[in-house]
N, C-alpha and C. Protein backbone atom coordinates (compact mmCIF):
# COMPACT_ATOMS: atom_id res chain seq x y z
N MET A 1 95.94 106.10 104.33
CA MET A 1 96.52 104.68 104.76
C MET A 1 97.16 104.25 106.63
N PRO A 2 96.46 102.87 105.79
CA PRO A 2 96.92 101.82 106.82
C PRO A 2 98.17 102.70 107.62
N VAL A 3 98.40 102.51 109.35
CA VAL A 3 98.99 102.55 110.61
C VAL A 3 99.94 101.19 110.37
N ASN A 4 99.55 99.84 110.70
CA ASN A 4 99.69 99.26 110.50
C ASN A 4 99.54 98.09 110.01
N PRO A 5 99.79 98.28 108.48
CA PRO A 5 99.69 97.54 107.29
C PRO A 5 99.73 95.71 107.55
N GLU A 6 101.20 95.44 108.32
CA GLU A 6 101.12 94.07 108.82
C GLU A 6 99.55 93.30 109.12
N THR A 7 98.76 94.34 109.68
CA THR A 7 98.01 93.26 110.85
C THR A 7 96.64 93.01 109.35
N SER A 8 96.44 93.84 108.43
CA SER A 8 95.48 93.70 107.34
C SER A 8 95.14 91.59 106.89
N ARG A 9 94.14 91.41 107.24
CA ARG A 9 93.91 90.28 106.65
C ARG A 9 93.73 90.50 105.16
N ASP A 10 93.70 91.74 104.34
CA ASP A 10 93.65 91.44 103.16
C ASP A 10 94.12 92.95 102.73
N PRO A 11 95.66 92.47 102.66
CA PRO A 11 95.89 94.20 101.96
C PRO A 11 95.29 94.45 100.42
N LYS A 12 96.03 93.76 99.27
CA LYS A 12 94.94 94.23 98.37
C LYS A 12 93.41 94.43 98.10
N ALA A 13 92.36 93.99 99.19
CA ALA A 13 91.47 94.34 99.26
C ALA A 13 91.08 96.06 100.48
N ASP A 14 92.09 96.04 101.15
CA ASP A 14 91.83 97.64 101.37
C ASP A 14 92.62 97.98 100.32
N LEU A 15 93.92 97.83 99.34
CA LEU A 15 94.19 98.95 99.00
C LEU A 15 93.57 99.37 97.82
N LEU A 16 92.12 98.03 97.27
CA LEU A 16 91.29 98.96 96.70
C LEU A 16 89.96 99.44 96.80
N ASN A 17 89.49 99.32 98.72
CA ASN A 17 88.60 99.73 99.15
C ASN A 17 89.26 102.05 99.49
N LEU A 18 90.90 101.66 99.23
CA LEU A 18 90.78 103.78 99.32
C LEU A 18 90.93 103.62 97.88
N ALA A 19 90.75 102.87 97.27
CA ALA A 19 91.42 103.60 95.59
C ALA A 19 89.67 104.32 95.27
N LYS A 20 88.79 103.48 96.04
CA LYS A 20 86.97 104.16 95.55
C LYS A 20 87.21 105.80 96.66
N LYS A 21 87.26 105.45 97.58
CA LYS A 21 87.25 106.77 98.11
C LYS A 21 88.63 107.17 96.95
N SER A 22 88.61 107.45 96.62
CA SER A 22 90.19 108.38 95.97
C SER A 22 89.39 109.11 94.77
N ARG A 23 90.01 110.95 95.41
CA ARG A 23 89.41 111.82 94.31
C ARG A 23 89.73 111.36 93.05
N LYS A 24 91.02 111.58 92.74
CA LYS A 24 92.24 110.85 91.54
C LYS A 24 91.14 109.37 90.76
N ARG A 25 90.15 110.04 89.48
CA ARG A 25 89.62 109.12 88.86
C ARG A 25 90.79 108.34 87.79
N GLU A 26 91.82 108.53 87.90
CA GLU A 26 92.98 107.66 86.95
C GLU A 26 92.90 106.44 87.80
N LEU A 27 92.98 106.87 89.40
CA LEU A 27 92.89 105.84 89.81
C LEU A 27 92.55 104.24 90.47
N LYS A 28 90.88 105.21 90.32
CA LYS A 28 89.44 104.39 90.46
C LYS A 28 89.45 103.42 89.44
N GLU A 29 89.33 104.34 87.86
CA GLU A 29 89.57 103.25 86.47
C GLU A 29 90.88 102.29 86.48
N GLY A 30 92.45 102.65 87.17
CA GLY A 30 93.05 101.43 87.29
C GLY A 30 93.25 100.19 88.01
N LEU A 31 92.85 101.17 88.86
CA LEU A 31 92.46 99.97 89.27
C LEU A 31 91.90 99.72 89.88
N LEU A 32 90.46 100.02 90.05
CA LEU A 32 89.24 99.05 90.00
C LEU A 32 88.97 97.92 88.90
N PRO A 33 88.06 97.36 89.11
CA PRO A 33 87.22 96.54 88.23
C PRO A 33 85.40 97.22 87.59
N ASN A 34 86.27 96.98 86.23
CA ASN A 34 85.16 96.92 85.41
C ASN A 34 83.31 97.07 85.75
N LYS A 35 82.68 97.18 86.17
CA LYS A 35 81.57 96.56 86.53
C LYS A 35 81.69 94.94 85.28
N GLY A 36 80.74 93.95 86.38
CA GLY A 36 80.13 92.73 85.39
C GLY A 36 82.13 92.57 85.52
N ALA A 37 83.41 92.74 85.05
CA ALA A 37 84.53 92.20 84.56
C ALA A 37 84.98 91.00 85.88
N PRO A 38 85.23 89.94 85.80
CA PRO A 38 86.32 88.28 86.26
C PRO A 38 87.01 89.10 86.99
N SER A 39 87.85 89.83 87.16
CA SER A 39 88.64 89.95 87.61
C SER A 39 88.87 90.87 88.63
N PRO A 40 88.81 90.48 89.77
CA PRO A 40 88.57 91.55 91.25
C PRO A 40 90.27 92.90 90.99
N ILE A 41 90.40 92.94 90.14
CA ILE A 41 91.73 94.70 89.91
C ILE A 41 90.42 94.66 88.07
N GLY A 42 91.66 96.54 88.53
CA GLY A 42 91.26 96.84 87.32
C GLY A 42 93.10 96.61 86.30
N LEU A 43 92.32 96.75 85.16
CA LEU A 43 93.00 96.83 84.30
C LEU A 43 94.58 97.14 84.39
N GLU A 44 94.97 98.15 84.83
CA GLU A 44 96.25 99.19 85.20
C GLU A 44 96.82 98.83 86.62
N TYR A 45 96.18 97.49 87.34
CA TYR A 45 96.05 97.83 88.94
C TYR A 45 98.13 96.83 88.89
N ASN A 46 98.80 96.47 87.64
CA ASN A 46 100.34 95.82 88.18
C ASN A 46 100.72 97.02 87.71
N ASP A 47 100.26 98.19 86.76
CA ASP A 47 101.35 99.08 86.17
C ASP A 47 101.10 100.13 87.34
N LEU A 48 100.18 100.50 87.35
CA LEU A 48 100.21 101.97 88.71
C LEU A 48 100.58 101.99 90.06
N LEU A 49 101.00 100.00 90.07
CA LEU A 49 101.29 99.77 91.37
C LEU A 49 102.92 99.61 91.15
N CYS A 50 103.69 99.30 90.21
CA CYS A 50 104.81 99.61 89.25
C CYS A 50 105.24 100.98 89.14
N ASN A 51 104.43 101.45 88.74
CA ASN A 51 105.22 103.08 88.78
C ASN A 51 105.18 103.66 90.14
N PHE A 52 103.82 103.60 91.24
CA PHE A 52 104.02 104.06 92.61
C PHE A 52 105.08 103.32 92.89
N VAL A 53 105.38 102.73 93.12
CA VAL A 53 106.41 101.77 93.55
C VAL A 53 108.14 103.17 93.37
N LYS A 54 108.35 102.37 91.96
CA LYS A 54 109.42 103.31 91.47
C LYS A 54 109.41 105.23 91.58
N SER A 55 108.39 105.89 91.84
CA SER A 55 108.16 106.71 92.06
C SER A 55 107.66 107.36 93.28
N GLU A 56 107.06 106.76 93.78
CA GLU A 56 106.41 107.99 95.09
C GLU A 56 106.89 106.93 95.91
N TRP A 57 107.53 105.19 96.60
CA TRP A 57 107.17 104.48 97.86
C TRP A 57 108.29 104.78 98.28
N ARG A 58 108.57 104.72 99.50
CA ARG A 58 109.42 105.40 100.10
C ARG A 58 110.00 104.14 101.52
N LEU A 59 110.89 103.92 101.18
CA LEU A 59 110.98 102.11 101.49
C LEU A 59 111.14 102.72 103.20
N ASP A 60 112.97 104.04 102.86
CA ASP A 60 113.24 103.82 104.80
C ASP A 60 111.35 104.67 105.17
N GLU A 61 110.58 104.50 105.32
CA GLU A 61 109.32 104.88 106.33
C GLU A 61 108.83 103.46 105.41
N ALA A 62 108.96 102.76 104.80
CA ALA A 62 108.05 101.51 105.06
C ALA A 62 108.40 100.89 105.65
N VAL A 63 109.93 100.51 106.38
CA VAL A 63 110.57 99.68 107.82
C VAL A 63 109.74 99.72 108.08
N LYS A 64 109.71 101.41 108.93
CA LYS A 64 109.42 102.55 110.02
C LYS A 64 108.14 101.75 110.74
N ILE A 65 107.32 101.31 109.34
CA ILE A 65 106.27 100.80 109.91
C ILE A 65 106.19 99.03 109.46
N ALA A 66 106.90 98.50 108.59
CA ALA A 66 106.28 96.93 108.48
C ALA A 66 107.40 95.50 108.96
N PRO A 67 107.92 95.39 109.95
CA PRO A 67 108.99 94.72 110.94
C PRO A 67 109.23 93.60 109.43
N SER A 68 108.28 93.16 109.12
CA SER A 68 108.79 92.08 108.37
C SER A 68 109.27 92.86 107.04
N LEU A 69 109.02 93.80 106.72
CA LEU A 69 110.18 94.12 104.95
C LEU A 69 111.48 94.77 106.56
N ALA A 70 111.48 94.86 107.30
CA ALA A 70 112.98 95.68 107.74
C ALA A 70 113.55 93.97 107.35
N ARG A 71 113.42 92.94 108.07
CA ARG A 71 114.08 91.79 108.17
C ARG A 71 113.87 91.71 107.49
N ALA A 72 113.44 91.30 105.66
CA ALA A 72 113.12 90.47 104.15
C ALA A 72 115.22 91.78 104.14
N ILE A 73 114.52 92.58 104.48
CA ILE A 73 115.84 93.60 103.80
C ILE A 73 117.06 93.40 104.26
N GLN A 74 117.17 93.37 105.85
CA GLN A 74 118.14 93.13 106.76
C GLN A 74 119.12 91.22 105.95
N ARG A 75 117.49 90.65 105.02
CA ARG A 75 118.37 89.27 105.34
C ARG A 75 119.25 89.13 103.58
N LEU A 76 118.71 89.84 102.74
CA LEU A 76 119.02 90.27 101.81
C LEU A 76 120.32 90.95 101.65
N GLN A 77 120.38 92.25 102.59
CA GLN A 77 121.58 92.56 102.42
C GLN A 77 123.35 91.56 103.06
N GLU A 78 122.29 90.94 103.42
CA GLU A 78 123.72 89.51 104.48
C GLU A 78 124.22 88.80 103.37
N PHE A 79 123.34 89.18 102.09
CA PHE A 79 124.52 87.92 101.15
C PHE A 79 124.38 89.00 100.01
N GLU A 80 124.47 90.37 100.45
CA GLU A 80 125.62 91.32 99.52
C GLU A 80 126.99 90.86 99.76
């Protein structure tokens, strides 16, 4: 995983490159497009990311390495 994700010029491409290297077949097949597909992403891209966010992603850790995310969370909390 990237140490400083906010420096990426193309986060989606970075994610897809990580998927290419993954040992998990489900990730490769779901995130990556089939050969010759017009879309740059796989058919299960959104579903897999949503499931990851719901079950694995840790907001408390993400804000430590993504200052813009920390600022966005802070602004949202100001509306409460």
